[in-house]
Amino acid sequence: IYRIAVHEASNRRRWWFRHKSRETSMELEPGGEAEENGLCLKDI
């Protein structure tokens, strides 16, 4: 299952660099306050 996941994510990432990265977004950039409450590395 992990092999499939890595393969699919890598394909998606390649697609992003080829297509999505050319788009100009009017949305807020990632990394803001809203994203800080999402997935993150937890306790030290």
PDB file of all heavy atoms in Angstrom:
ATOM      1  N   ILE A   1       0.829  -1.200   0.000  1.00  0.00           N
ATOM      2  CA  ILE A   1       0.000   0.000   0.000  1.00  0.00           C
ATOM      3  C   ILE A   1       0.868   1.255   0.000  1.00  0.00           C
ATOM      4  O   ILE A   1       0.596   2.218  -0.724  1.00  0.00           O
ATOM      5  CB  ILE A   1      -0.959  -0.002   1.209  1.00  0.00           C
ATOM      6  CG1 ILE A   1      -1.999  -1.112   1.049  1.00  0.00           C
ATOM      7  CG2 ILE A   1      -1.652   1.354   1.361  1.00  0.00           C
ATOM      8  CD1 ILE A   1      -2.885  -1.307   2.258  1.00  0.00           C
ATOM      9  N   TYR A   2       1.927   1.254   0.786  1.00  0.00           N
ATOM     10  CA  TYR A   2       2.816   2.410   0.824  1.00  0.00           C
ATOM     11  C   TYR A   2       3.510   2.618  -0.519  1.00  0.00           C
ATOM     12  O   TYR A   2       3.755   3.745  -0.926  1.00  0.00           O
ATOM     13  CB  TYR A   2       3.857   2.239   1.938  1.00  0.00           C
ATOM     14  CG  TYR A   2       3.372   2.668   3.300  1.00  0.00           C
ATOM     15  CD1 TYR A   2       2.058   2.445   3.705  1.00  0.00           C
ATOM     16  CD2 TYR A   2       4.230   3.285   4.198  1.00  0.00           C
ATOM     17  CE1 TYR A   2       1.620   2.823   4.952  1.00  0.00           C
ATOM     18  CE2 TYR A   2       3.788   3.680   5.460  1.00  0.00           C
ATOM     19  CZ  TYR A   2       2.486   3.436   5.828  1.00  0.00           C
ATOM     20  OH  TYR A   2       2.050   3.824   7.077  1.00  0.00           O
ATOM     21  N   ARG A   3       3.834   1.531  -1.194  1.00  0.00           N
ATOM     22  CA  ARG A   3       4.467   1.662  -2.508  1.00  0.00           C
ATOM     23  C   ARG A   3       3.519   2.362  -3.483  1.00  0.00           C
ATOM     24  O   ARG A   3       3.927   3.246  -4.243  1.00  0.00           O
ATOM     25  CB  ARG A   3       4.852   0.286  -3.059  1.00  0.00           C
ATOM     26  CG  ARG A   3       5.632   0.351  -4.372  1.00  0.00           C
ATOM     27  CD  ARG A   3       5.838  -1.035  -4.954  1.00  0.00           C
ATOM     28  NE  ARG A   3       6.542  -1.874  -4.009  1.00  0.00           N
ATOM     29  CZ  ARG A   3       6.201  -3.134  -3.732  1.00  0.00           C
ATOM     30  NH1 ARG A   3       5.135  -3.666  -4.303  1.00  0.00           N
ATOM     31  NH2 ARG A   3       6.903  -3.838  -2.886  1.00  0.00           N
ATOM     32  N   ILE A   4       2.255   1.964  -3.446  1.00  0.00           N
ATOM     33  CA  ILE A   4       1.252   2.615  -4.289  1.00  0.00           C
ATOM     34  C   ILE A   4       1.129   4.093  -3.915  1.00  0.00           C
ATOM     35  O   ILE A   4       1.040   4.968  -4.789  1.00  0.00           O
ATOM     36  CB  ILE A   4      -0.111   1.907  -4.153  1.00  0.00           C
ATOM     37  CG1 ILE A   4      -0.027   0.489  -4.714  1.00  0.00           C
ATOM     38  CG2 ILE A   4      -1.212   2.690  -4.869  1.00  0.00           C
ATOM     39  CD1 ILE A   4      -1.269  -0.352  -4.466  1.00  0.00           C
ATOM     40  N   ALA A   5       1.134   4.380  -2.617  1.00  0.00           N
ATOM     41  CA  ALA A   5       0.989   5.764  -2.151  1.00  0.00           C
ATOM     42  C   ALA A   5       2.136   6.639  -2.632  1.00  0.00           C
ATOM     43  O   ALA A   5       1.921   7.758  -3.124  1.00  0.00           O
ATOM     44  CB  ALA A   5       0.896   5.800  -0.628  1.00  0.00           C
ATOM     45  N   VAL A   6       3.361   6.152  -2.491  1.00  0.00           N
ATOM     46  CA  VAL A   6       4.527   6.923  -2.936  1.00  0.00           C
ATOM     47  C   VAL A   6       4.479   7.129  -4.442  1.00  0.00           C
ATOM     48  O   VAL A   6       4.768   8.227  -4.942  1.00  0.00           O
ATOM     49  CB  VAL A   6       5.833   6.218  -2.516  1.00  0.00           C
ATOM     50  CG1 VAL A   6       7.037   6.872  -3.189  1.00  0.00           C
ATOM     51  CG2 VAL A   6       6.003   6.266  -1.001  1.00  0.00           C
ATOM     52  N   HIS A   7       4.087   6.086  -5.175  1.00  0.00           N
ATOM     53  CA  HIS A   7       4.008   6.189  -6.639  1.00  0.00           C
ATOM     54  C   HIS A   7       2.973   7.229  -7.055  1.00  0.00           C
ATOM     55  O   HIS A   7       3.252   8.100  -7.904  1.00  0.00           O
ATOM     56  CB  HIS A   7       3.649   4.828  -7.233  1.00  0.00           C
ATOM     57  CG  HIS A   7       3.491   4.833  -8.722  1.00  0.00           C
ATOM     58  ND1 HIS A   7       4.565   4.897  -9.582  1.00  0.00           N
ATOM     59  CD2 HIS A   7       2.375   4.796  -9.501  1.00  0.00           C
ATOM     60  CE1 HIS A   7       4.126   4.906 -10.818  1.00  0.00           C
ATOM     61  NE2 HIS A   7       2.807   4.837 -10.809  1.00  0.00           N
ATOM     62  N   GLU A   8       1.780   7.174  -6.457  1.00  0.00           N
ATOM     63  CA  GLU A   8       0.723   8.111  -6.810  1.00  0.00           C
ATOM     64  C   GLU A   8       1.090   9.545  -6.419  1.00  0.00           C
ATOM     65  O   GLU A   8       0.831  10.493  -7.166  1.00  0.00           O
ATOM     66  CB  GLU A   8      -0.592   7.712  -6.136  1.00  0.00           C
ATOM     67  CG  GLU A   8      -1.219   6.453  -6.688  1.00  0.00           C
ATOM     68  CD  GLU A   8      -1.551   6.580  -8.167  1.00  0.00           C
ATOM     69  OE1 GLU A   8      -2.212   7.564  -8.549  1.00  0.00           O
ATOM     70  OE2 GLU A   8      -1.134   5.700  -8.944  1.00  0.00           O
ATOM     71  N   ALA A   9       1.689   9.704  -5.237  1.00  0.00           N
ATOM     72  CA  ALA A   9       2.084  11.045  -4.799  1.00  0.00           C
ATOM     73  C   ALA A   9       3.184  11.616  -5.693  1.00  0.00           C
ATOM     74  O   ALA A   9       3.178  12.811  -6.017  1.00  0.00           O
ATOM     75  CB  ALA A   9       2.553  11.004  -3.347  1.00  0.00           C
ATOM     76  N   SER A  10       4.110  10.770  -6.099  1.00  0.00           N
ATOM     77  CA  SER A  10       5.181  11.223  -6.987  1.00  0.00           C
ATOM     78  C   SER A  10       4.626  11.633  -8.345  1.00  0.00           C
ATOM     79  O   SER A  10       5.056  12.639  -8.924  1.00  0.00           O
ATOM     80  CB  SER A  10       6.222  10.104  -7.152  1.00  0.00           C
ATOM     81  OG  SER A  10       6.837   9.793  -5.923  1.00  0.00           O
ATOM     82  N   ASN A  11       3.664  10.865  -8.849  1.00  0.00           N
ATOM     83  CA  ASN A  11       3.022  11.237 -10.117  1.00  0.00           C
ATOM     84  C   ASN A  11       2.301  12.570  -9.983  1.00  0.00           C
ATOM     85  O   ASN A  11       2.356  13.419 -10.886  1.00  0.00           O
ATOM     86  CB  ASN A  11       2.032  10.153 -10.547  1.00  0.00           C
ATOM     87  CG  ASN A  11       2.723   8.939 -11.113  1.00  0.00           C
ATOM     88  OD1 ASN A  11       3.908   8.985 -11.456  1.00  0.00           O
ATOM     89  ND2 ASN A  11       1.990   7.841 -11.216  1.00  0.00           N
ATOM     90  N   ARG A  12       1.595  12.749  -8.879  1.00  0.00           N
ATOM     91  CA  ARG A  12       0.874  13.999  -8.640  1.00  0.00           C
ATOM     92  C   ARG A  12       1.839  15.169  -8.540  1.00  0.00           C
ATOM     93  O   ARG A  12       1.580  16.256  -9.052  1.00  0.00           O
ATOM     94  CB  ARG A  12       0.073  13.875  -7.339  1.00  0.00           C
ATOM     95  CG  ARG A  12      -0.816  15.073  -7.021  1.00  0.00           C
ATOM     96  CD  ARG A  12      -2.136  14.955  -7.764  1.00  0.00           C
ATOM     97  NE  ARG A  12      -3.068  15.998  -7.367  1.00  0.00           N
ATOM     98  CZ  ARG A  12      -4.376  15.911  -7.514  1.00  0.00           C
ATOM     99  NH1 ARG A  12      -4.909  14.820  -8.034  1.00  0.00           N
ATOM    100  NH2 ARG A  12      -5.171  16.901  -7.154  1.00  0.00           N
ATOM    101  N   ARG A  13       2.948  14.934  -7.882  1.00  0.00           N
ATOM    102  CA  ARG A  13       3.953  15.990  -7.731  1.00  0.00           C
ATOM    103  C   ARG A  13       4.541  16.378  -9.078  1.00  0.00           C
ATOM    104  O   ARG A  13       4.729  17.546  -9.375  1.00  0.00           O
ATOM    105  CB  ARG A  13       5.059  15.509  -6.786  1.00  0.00           C
ATOM    106  CG  ARG A  13       6.110  16.562  -6.441  1.00  0.00           C
ATOM    107  CD  ARG A  13       7.130  15.971  -5.481  1.00  0.00           C
ATOM    108  NE  ARG A  13       8.196  16.915  -5.210  1.00  0.00           N
ATOM    109  CZ  ARG A  13       8.152  17.850  -4.277  1.00  0.00           C
ATOM    110  NH1 ARG A  13       7.074  17.963  -3.524  1.00  0.00           N
ATOM    111  NH2 ARG A  13       9.159  18.669  -4.085  1.00  0.00           N
ATOM    112  N   ARG A  14       4.823  15.379  -9.923  1.00  0.00           N
ATOM    113  CA  ARG A  14       5.344  15.681 -11.260  1.00  0.00           C
ATOM    114  C   ARG A  14       4.320  16.461 -12.077  1.00  0.00           C
ATOM    115  O   ARG A  14       4.672  17.392 -12.807  1.00  0.00           O
ATOM    116  CB  ARG A  14       5.726  14.373 -11.976  1.00  0.00           C
ATOM    117  CG  ARG A  14       7.044  13.797 -11.524  1.00  0.00           C
ATOM    118  CD  ARG A  14       7.510  12.693 -12.458  1.00  0.00           C
ATOM    119  NE  ARG A  14       6.680  11.515 -12.359  1.00  0.00           N
ATOM    120  CZ  ARG A  14       6.914  10.509 -11.521  1.00  0.00           C
ATOM    121  NH1 ARG A  14       7.947  10.565 -10.708  1.00  0.00           N
ATOM    122  NH2 ARG A  14       6.125   9.453 -11.507  1.00  0.00           N
ATOM    123  N   TRP A  15       3.047  16.064 -11.962  1.00  0.00           N
ATOM    124  CA  TRP A  15       1.995  16.794 -12.665  1.00  0.00           C
ATOM    125  C   TRP A  15       1.940  18.242 -12.197  1.00  0.00           C
ATOM    126  O   TRP A  15       1.774  19.169 -12.998  1.00  0.00           O
ATOM    127  CB  TRP A  15       0.649  16.123 -12.411  1.00  0.00           C
ATOM    128  CG  TRP A  15      -0.502  16.863 -13.046  1.00  0.00           C
ATOM    129  CD1 TRP A  15      -0.992  16.694 -14.298  1.00  0.00           C
ATOM    130  CD2 TRP A  15      -1.285  17.908 -12.448  1.00  0.00           C
ATOM    131  NE1 TRP A  15      -2.036  17.558 -14.527  1.00  0.00           N
ATOM    132  CE2 TRP A  15      -2.239  18.323 -13.411  1.00  0.00           C
ATOM    133  CE3 TRP A  15      -1.275  18.528 -11.202  1.00  0.00           C
ATOM    134  CZ2 TRP A  15      -3.165  19.328 -13.159  1.00  0.00           C
ATOM    135  CZ3 TRP A  15      -2.197  19.532 -10.947  1.00  0.00           C
ATOM    136  CH2 TRP A  15      -3.130  19.925 -11.907  1.00  0.00           C
ATOM    137  N   TRP A  16       2.082  18.432 -10.890  1.00  0.00           N
ATOM    138  CA  TRP A  16       2.026  19.790 -10.338  1.00  0.00           C
ATOM    139  C   TRP A  16       3.117  20.661 -10.929  1.00  0.00           C
ATOM    140  O   TRP A  16       2.873  21.798 -11.328  1.00  0.00           O
ATOM    141  CB  TRP A  16       2.165  19.726  -8.812  1.00  0.00           C
ATOM    142  CG  TRP A  16       1.814  21.022  -8.138  1.00  0.00           C
ATOM    143  CD1 TRP A  16       0.624  21.387  -7.606  1.00  0.00           C
ATOM    144  CD2 TRP A  16       2.696  22.137  -7.921  1.00  0.00           C
ATOM    145  NE1 TRP A  16       0.699  22.652  -7.075  1.00  0.00           N
ATOM    146  CE2 TRP A  16       1.951  23.136  -7.248  1.00  0.00           C
ATOM    147  CE3 TRP A  16       4.039  22.388  -8.228  1.00  0.00           C
ATOM    148  CZ2 TRP A  16       2.499  24.357  -6.885  1.00  0.00           C
ATOM    149  CZ3 TRP A  16       4.588  23.608  -7.868  1.00  0.00           C
ATOM    150  CH2 TRP A  16       3.817  24.582  -7.207  1.00  0.00           C
ATOM    151  N   PHE A  17       4.326  20.128 -10.993  1.00  0.00           N
ATOM    152  CA  PHE A  17       5.431  20.916 -11.530  1.00  0.00           C
ATOM    153  C   PHE A  17       5.241  21.222 -13.012  1.00  0.00           C
ATOM    154  O   PHE A  17       5.662  22.270 -13.497  1.00  0.00           O
ATOM    155  CB  PHE A  17       6.760  20.188 -11.312  1.00  0.00           C
ATOM    156  CG  PHE A  17       7.307  20.344  -9.924  1.00  0.00           C
ATOM    157  CD1 PHE A  17       7.471  19.245  -9.100  1.00  0.00           C
ATOM    158  CD2 PHE A  17       7.642  21.593  -9.428  1.00  0.00           C
ATOM    159  CE1 PHE A  17       7.962  19.387  -7.817  1.00  0.00           C
ATOM    160  CE2 PHE A  17       8.136  21.742  -8.149  1.00  0.00           C
ATOM    161  CZ  PHE A  17       8.304  20.640  -7.335  1.00  0.00           C
ATOM    162  N   ARG A  18       4.578  20.306 -13.722  1.00  0.00           N
ATOM    163  CA  ARG A  18       4.380  20.526 -15.158  1.00  0.00           C
ATOM    164  C   ARG A  18       3.224  21.463 -15.463  1.00  0.00           C
ATOM    165  O   ARG A  18       3.255  22.208 -16.425  1.00  0.00           O
ATOM    166  CB  ARG A  18       4.123  19.188 -15.852  1.00  0.00           C
ATOM    167  CG  ARG A  18       5.321  18.271 -15.884  1.00  0.00           C
ATOM    168  CD  ARG A  18       4.942  16.914 -16.435  1.00  0.00           C
ATOM    169  NE  ARG A  18       6.061  15.991 -16.410  1.00  0.00           N
ATOM    170  CZ  ARG A  18       5.970  14.691 -16.670  1.00  0.00           C
ATOM    171  NH1 ARG A  18       4.792  14.179 -16.965  1.00  0.00           N
ATOM    172  NH2 ARG A  18       7.022  13.927 -16.617  1.00  0.00           N
ATOM    173  N   HIS A  19       2.184  21.453 -14.633  1.00  0.00           N
ATOM    174  CA  HIS A  19       0.956  22.175 -14.950  1.00  0.00           C
ATOM    175  C   HIS A  19       0.563  23.200 -13.887  1.00  0.00           C
ATOM    176  O   HIS A  19       0.491  24.388 -14.173  1.00  0.00           O
ATOM    177  CB  HIS A  19      -0.196  21.183 -15.151  1.00  0.00           C
ATOM    178  CG  HIS A  19       0.064  20.176 -16.207  1.00  0.00           C
ATOM    179  ND1 HIS A  19      -0.031  20.451 -17.549  1.00  0.00           N
ATOM    180  CD2 HIS A  19       0.437  18.876 -16.118  1.00  0.00           C
ATOM    181  CE1 HIS A  19       0.266  19.379 -18.251  1.00  0.00           C
ATOM    182  NE2 HIS A  19       0.551  18.400 -17.411  1.00  0.00           N
ATOM    183  N   LYS A  20       0.342  22.714 -12.677  1.00  0.00           N
ATOM    184  CA  LYS A  20      -0.211  23.590 -11.657  1.00  0.00           C
ATOM    185  C   LYS A  20       0.733  24.720 -11.281  1.00  0.00           C
ATOM    186  O   LYS A  20       0.300  25.816 -10.940  1.00  0.00           O
ATOM    187  CB  LYS A  20      -0.573  22.774 -10.410  1.00  0.00           C
ATOM    188  CG  LYS A  20      -1.457  23.509  -9.417  1.00  0.00           C
ATOM    189  CD  LYS A  20      -1.918  22.566  -8.321  1.00  0.00           C
ATOM    190  CE  LYS A  20      -2.816  23.297  -7.329  1.00  0.00           C
ATOM    191  NZ  LYS A  20      -3.282  22.386  -6.255  1.00  0.00           N
ATOM    192  N   SER A  21       2.037  24.466 -11.331  1.00  0.00           N
ATOM    193  CA  SER A  21       2.998  25.498 -10.950  1.00  0.00           C
ATOM    194  C   SER A  21       2.978  26.674 -11.908  1.00  0.00           C
ATOM    195  O   SER A  21       3.470  27.752 -11.592  1.00  0.00           O
ATOM    196  CB  SER A  21       4.410  24.902 -10.894  1.00  0.00           C
ATOM    197  OG  SER A  21       4.783  24.392 -12.154  1.00  0.00           O
ATOM    198  N   ARG A  22       2.376  26.481 -13.106  1.00  0.00           N
ATOM    199  CA  ARG A  22       2.291  27.566 -14.077  1.00  0.00           C
ATOM    200  C   ARG A  22       1.108  28.485 -13.811  1.00  0.00           C
ATOM    201  O   ARG A  22       1.018  29.566 -14.378  1.00  0.00           O
ATOM    202  CB  ARG A  22       2.162  26.989 -15.482  1.00  0.00           C
ATOM    203  CG  ARG A  22       3.354  26.111 -15.896  1.00  0.00           C
ATOM    204  CD  ARG A  22       3.100  25.473 -17.242  1.00  0.00           C
ATOM    205  NE  ARG A  22       4.166  24.541 -17.602  1.00  0.00           N
ATOM    206  CZ  ARG A  22       4.151  23.769 -18.673  1.00  0.00           C
ATOM    207  NH1 ARG A  22       3.113  23.836 -19.504  1.00  0.00           N
ATOM    208  NH2 ARG A  22       5.142  22.949 -18.929  1.00  0.00           N
ATOM    209  N   GLU A  23       0.188  28.014 -12.952  1.00  0.00           N
ATOM    210  CA  GLU A  23      -1.000  28.799 -12.661  1.00  0.00           C
ATOM    211  C   GLU A  23      -0.685  29.916 -11.676  1.00  0.00           C
ATOM    212  O   GLU A  23       0.201  29.820 -10.855  1.00  0.00           O
ATOM    213  CB  GLU A  23      -2.086  27.895 -12.059  1.00  0.00           C
ATOM    214  CG  GLU A  23      -2.511  26.780 -12.992  1.00  0.00           C
ATOM    215  CD  GLU A  23      -3.492  25.837 -12.326  1.00  0.00           C
ATOM    216  OE1 GLU A  23      -3.853  26.107 -11.158  1.00  0.00           O
ATOM    217  OE2 GLU A  23      -3.887  24.857 -12.960  1.00  0.00           O
ATOM    218  N   THR A  24      -1.437  30.994 -11.765  1.00  0.00           N
ATOM    219  CA  THR A  24      -1.314  32.098 -10.821  1.00  0.00           C
ATOM    220  C   THR A  24      -2.517  32.082  -9.911  1.00  0.00           C
ATOM    221  O   THR A  24      -3.649  32.275 -10.347  1.00  0.00           O
ATOM    222  CB  THR A  24      -1.242  33.456 -11.557  1.00  0.00           C
ATOM    223  OG1 THR A  24      -0.132  33.440 -12.449  1.00  0.00           O
ATOM    224  CG2 THR A  24      -1.106  34.593 -10.561  1.00  0.00           C
ATOM    225  N   SER A  25      -2.283  31.823  -8.639  1.00  0.00           N
ATOM    226  CA  SER A  25      -3.374  31.707  -7.680  1.00  0.00           C
ATOM    227  C   SER A  25      -3.659  33.045  -7.013  1.00  0.00           C
ATOM    228  O   SER A  25      -2.759  33.829  -6.739  1.00  0.00           O
ATOM    229  CB  SER A  25      -3.010  30.675  -6.601  1.00  0.00           C
ATOM    230  OG  SER A  25      -4.014  30.633  -5.612  1.00  0.00           O
ATOM    231  N   MET A  26      -4.967  33.316  -6.782  1.00  0.00           N
ATOM    232  CA  MET A  26      -5.373  34.519  -6.065  1.00  0.00           C
ATOM    233  C   MET A  26      -5.696  34.194  -4.619  1.00  0.00           C
ATOM    234  O   MET A  26      -6.124  35.059  -3.857  1.00  0.00           O
ATOM    235  CB  MET A  26      -6.607  35.135  -6.745  1.00  0.00           C
ATOM    236  CG  MET A  26      -6.345  35.595  -8.163  1.00  0.00           C
ATOM    237  SD  MET A  26      -7.797  36.347  -8.927  1.00  0.00           S
ATOM    238  CE  MET A  26      -7.992  37.812  -7.909  1.00  0.00           C
ATOM    239  N   GLU A  27      -5.463  32.916  -4.207  1.00  0.00           N
ATOM    240  CA  GLU A  27      -5.740  32.521  -2.845  1.00  0.00           C
ATOM    241  C   GLU A  27      -4.548  32.835  -1.953  1.00  0.00           C
ATOM    242  O   GLU A  27      -3.457  33.125  -2.429  1.00  0.00           O
ATOM    243  CB  GLU A  27      -6.047  31.020  -2.790  1.00  0.00           C
ATOM    244  CG  GLU A  27      -7.276  30.652  -3.608  1.00  0.00           C
ATOM    245  CD  GLU A  27      -7.554  29.161  -3.571  1.00  0.00           C
ATOM    246  OE1 GLU A  27      -6.737  28.441  -2.953  1.00  0.00           O
ATOM    247  OE2 GLU A  27      -8.557  28.731  -4.137  1.00  0.00           O
ATOM    248  N   LEU A  28      -4.783  32.725  -0.638  1.00  0.00           N
ATOM    249  CA  LEU A  28      -3.712  32.955   0.315  1.00  0.00           C
ATOM    250  C   LEU A  28      -2.634  31.907   0.154  1.00  0.00           C
ATOM    251  O   LEU A  28      -2.904  30.756  -0.152  1.00  0.00           O
ATOM    252  CB  LEU A  28      -4.264  32.909   1.752  1.00  0.00           C
ATOM    253  CG  LEU A  28      -5.232  34.032   2.117  1.00  0.00           C
ATOM    254  CD1 LEU A  28      -5.765  33.798   3.519  1.00  0.00           C
ATOM    255  CD2 LEU A  28      -4.545  35.391   2.029  1.00  0.00           C
ATOM    256  N   GLU A  29      -1.384  32.302   0.337  1.00  0.00           N
ATOM    257  CA  GLU A  29      -0.282  31.364   0.245  1.00  0.00           C
ATOM    258  C   GLU A  29      -0.333  30.379   1.396  1.00  0.00           C
ATOM    259  O   GLU A  29      -0.746  30.724   2.491  1.00  0.00           O
ATOM    260  CB  GLU A  29       1.065  32.127   0.288  1.00  0.00           C
ATOM    261  CG  GLU A  29       1.318  32.974  -0.932  1.00  0.00           C
ATOM    262  CD  GLU A  29       1.474  32.116  -2.178  1.00  0.00           C
ATOM    263  OE1 GLU A  29       2.095  31.037  -2.089  1.00  0.00           O
ATOM    264  OE2 GLU A  29       0.960  32.515  -3.234  1.00  0.00           O
ATOM    265  N   PRO A  30       0.108  29.122   1.174  1.00  0.00           N
ATOM    266  CA  PRO A  30       0.148  28.161   2.279  1.00  0.00           C
ATOM    267  C   PRO A  30       1.173  28.576   3.315  1.00  0.00           C
ATOM    268  O   PRO A  30       2.097  29.335   3.032  1.00  0.00           O
ATOM    269  CB  PRO A  30       0.562  26.858   1.585  1.00  0.00           C
ATOM    270  CG  PRO A  30       1.263  27.297   0.348  1.00  0.00           C
ATOM    271  CD  PRO A  30       0.568  28.564  -0.089  1.00  0.00           C
ATOM    272  N   GLY A  31       1.003  28.069   4.524  1.00  0.00           N
ATOM    273  CA  GLY A  31       1.944  28.388   5.582  1.00  0.00           C
ATOM    274  C   GLY A  31       1.442  29.455   6.522  1.00  0.00           C
ATOM    275  O   GLY A  31       2.134  29.866   7.451  1.00  0.00           O
ATOM    276  N   GLY A  32       0.212  29.958   6.291  1.00  0.00           N
ATOM    277  CA  GLY A  32      -0.325  30.988   7.155  1.00  0.00           C
ATOM    278  C   GLY A  32      -0.895  30.427   8.429  1.00  0.00           C
ATOM    279  O   GLY A  32      -0.743  29.248   8.751  1.00  0.00           O
ATOM    280  N   GLU A  33      -1.615  31.268   9.167  1.00  0.00           N
ATOM    281  CA  GLU A  33      -2.137  30.855  10.459  1.00  0.00           C
ATOM    282  C   GLU A  33      -3.100  29.689  10.346  1.00  0.00           C
ATOM    283  O   GLU A  33      -3.109  28.794  11.187  1.00  0.00           O
ATOM    284  CB  GLU A  33      -2.843  32.025  11.140  1.00  0.00           C
ATOM    285  CG  GLU A  33      -1.892  33.143  11.530  1.00  0.00           C
ATOM    286  CD  GLU A  33      -2.625  34.252  12.269  1.00  0.00           C
ATOM    287  OE1 GLU A  33      -3.401  34.146  12.885  1.00  0.00           O
ATOM    288  OE2 GLU A  33      -2.465  35.233  12.256  1.00  0.00           O
ATOM    289  N   ALA A  34      -3.911  29.675   9.289  1.00  0.00           N
ATOM    290  CA  ALA A  34      -4.881  28.585   9.141  1.00  0.00           C
ATOM    291  C   ALA A  34      -4.183  27.248   8.970  1.00  0.00           C
ATOM    292  O   ALA A  34      -4.616  26.226   9.496  1.00  0.00           O
ATOM    293  CB  ALA A  34      -5.786  28.860   7.946  1.00  0.00           C
ATOM    294  N   GLU A  35      -3.067  27.251   8.248  1.00  0.00           N
ATOM    295  CA  GLU A  35      -2.384  25.994   7.995  1.00  0.00           C
ATOM    296  C   GLU A  35      -1.633  25.507   9.220  1.00  0.00           C
ATOM    297  O   GLU A  35      -1.374  24.314   9.376  1.00  0.00           O
ATOM    298  CB  GLU A  35      -1.401  26.174   6.835  1.00  0.00           C
ATOM    299  CG  GLU A  35      -0.843  24.857   6.338  1.00  0.00           C
ATOM    300  CD  GLU A  35      -0.038  25.008   5.075  1.00  0.00           C
ATOM    301  OE1 GLU A  35      -0.135  26.060   4.438  1.00  0.00           O
ATOM    302  OE2 GLU A  35       0.673  24.065   4.729  1.00  0.00           O
ATOM    303  N   GLU A  36      -1.283  26.421  10.119  1.00  0.00           N
ATOM    304  CA  GLU A  36      -0.542  26.025  11.309  1.00  0.00           C
ATOM    305  C   GLU A  36      -1.333  25.062  12.173  1.00  0.00           C
ATOM    306  O   GLU A  36      -0.777  24.324  12.977  1.00  0.00           O
ATOM    307  CB  GLU A  36      -0.151  27.254  12.136  1.00  0.00           C
ATOM    308  CG  GLU A  36       0.908  28.108  11.460  1.00  0.00           C
ATOM    309  CD  GLU A  36       1.232  29.335  12.283  1.00  0.00           C
ATOM    310  OE1 GLU A  36       0.653  29.466  13.373  1.00  0.00           O
ATOM    311  OE2 GLU A  36       2.049  30.138  11.841  1.00  0.00           O
ATOM    312  N   ASN A  37      -2.673  25.090  12.037  1.00  0.00           N
ATOM    313  CA  ASN A  37      -3.511  24.207  12.828  1.00  0.00           C
ATOM    314  C   ASN A  37      -3.751  22.867  12.148  1.00  0.00           C
ATOM    315  O   ASN A  37      -4.494  22.030  12.659  1.00  0.00           O
ATOM    316  CB  ASN A  37      -4.863  24.878  13.117  1.00  0.00           C
ATOM    317  CG  ASN A  37      -4.694  26.090  14.002  1.00  0.00           C
ATOM    318  OD1 ASN A  37      -3.874  26.089  14.898  1.00  0.00           O
ATOM    319  ND2 ASN A  37      -5.460  27.130  13.732  1.00  0.00           N
ATOM    320  N   GLY A  38      -3.102  22.653  11.003  1.00  0.00           N
ATOM    321  CA  GLY A  38      -3.278  21.403  10.299  1.00  0.00           C
ATOM    322  C   GLY A  38      -2.260  20.380  10.756  1.00  0.00           C
ATOM    323  O   GLY A  38      -1.804  20.375  11.887  1.00  0.00           O
ATOM    324  N   LEU A  39      -1.880  19.480   9.821  1.00  0.00           N
ATOM    325  CA  LEU A  39      -0.922  18.450  10.169  1.00  0.00           C
ATOM    326  C   LEU A  39       0.424  19.074  10.464  1.00  0.00           C
ATOM    327  O   LEU A  39       0.922  19.904   9.726  1.00  0.00           O
ATOM    328  CB  LEU A  39      -0.788  17.460   9.001  1.00  0.00           C
ATOM    329  CG  LEU A  39      -2.015  16.603   8.743  1.00  0.00           C
ATOM    330  CD1 LEU A  39      -1.830  15.845   7.442  1.00  0.00           C
ATOM    331  CD2 LEU A  39      -2.238  15.630   9.883  1.00  0.00           C
ATOM    332  N   CYS A  40       1.012  18.677  11.571  1.00  0.00           N
ATOM    333  CA  CYS A  40       2.336  19.184  11.911  1.00  0.00           C
ATOM    334  C   CYS A  40       3.059  18.149  12.746  1.00  0.00           C
ATOM    335  O   CYS A  40       2.458  17.248  13.312  1.00  0.00           O
ATOM    336  CB  CYS A  40       2.254  20.498  12.672  1.00  0.00           C
ATOM    337  SG  CYS A  40       1.446  20.355  14.279  1.00  0.00           S
ATOM    338  N   LEU A  41       4.368  18.274  12.825  1.00  0.00           N
ATOM    339  CA  LEU A  41       5.148  17.393  13.679  1.00  0.00           C
ATOM    340  C   LEU A  41       4.879  17.786  15.118  1.00  0.00           C
ATOM    341  O   LEU A  41       5.041  18.937  15.493  1.00  0.00           O
ATOM    342  CB  LEU A  41       6.631  17.539  13.349  1.00  0.00           C
ATOM    343  CG  LEU A  41       6.991  17.168  11.923  1.00  0.00           C
ATOM    344  CD1 LEU A  41       8.428  17.526  11.636  1.00  0.00           C
ATOM    345  CD2 LEU A  41       6.739  15.712  11.672  1.00  0.00           C
ATOM    346  N   LYS A  42       4.516  16.812  15.904  1.00  0.00           N
ATOM    347  CA  LYS A  42       4.028  17.145  17.249  1.00  0.00           C
ATOM    348  C   LYS A  42       5.149  17.276  18.264  1.00  0.00           C
ATOM    349  O   LYS A  42       6.253  17.675  17.927  1.00  0.00           O
ATOM    350  CB  LYS A  42       2.976  16.131  17.684  1.00  0.00           C
ATOM    351  CG  LYS A  42       1.718  16.197  16.818  1.00  0.00           C
ATOM    352  CD  LYS A  42       0.631  15.298  17.316  1.00  0.00           C
ATOM    353  CE  LYS A  42      -0.021  15.854  18.547  1.00  0.00           C
ATOM    354  NZ  LYS A  42      -1.165  15.023  18.995  1.00  0.00           N
ATOM    355  N   ASP A  43       4.868  16.910  19.488  1.00  0.00           N
ATOM    356  CA  ASP A  43       5.676  17.276  20.641  1.00  0.00           C
ATOM    357  C   ASP A  43       7.146  16.928  20.532  1.00  0.00           C
ATOM    358  O   ASP A  43       7.505  15.855  20.095  1.00  0.00           O
ATOM    359  CB  ASP A  43       5.124  16.599  21.903  1.00  0.00           C
ATOM    360  CG  ASP A  43       3.649  16.886  22.080  1.00  0.00           C
ATOM    361  OD1 ASP A  43       3.237  18.016  21.813  1.00  0.00           O
ATOM    362  OD2 ASP A  43       2.937  15.968  22.483  1.00  0.00           O
ATOM    363  N   ILE A  44       7.994  17.851  20.966  1.00  0.00           N
ATOM    364  CA  ILE A  44       9.409  17.557  21.106  1.00  0.00           C
ATOM    365  C   ILE A  44       9.569  16.795  22.410  1.00  0.00           C
ATOM    366  O   ILE A  44       9.127  17.228  23.459  1.00  0.00           O
ATOM    367  CB  ILE A  44      10.237  18.855  21.143  1.00  0.00           C
ATOM    368  CG1 ILE A  44      10.131  19.547  19.792  1.00  0.00           C
ATOM    369  CG2 ILE A  44      11.680  18.575  21.480  1.00  0.00           C
ATOM    370  CD1 ILE A  44      10.796  20.866  19.731  1.00  0.00           C
TER     371      ILE A  44
END
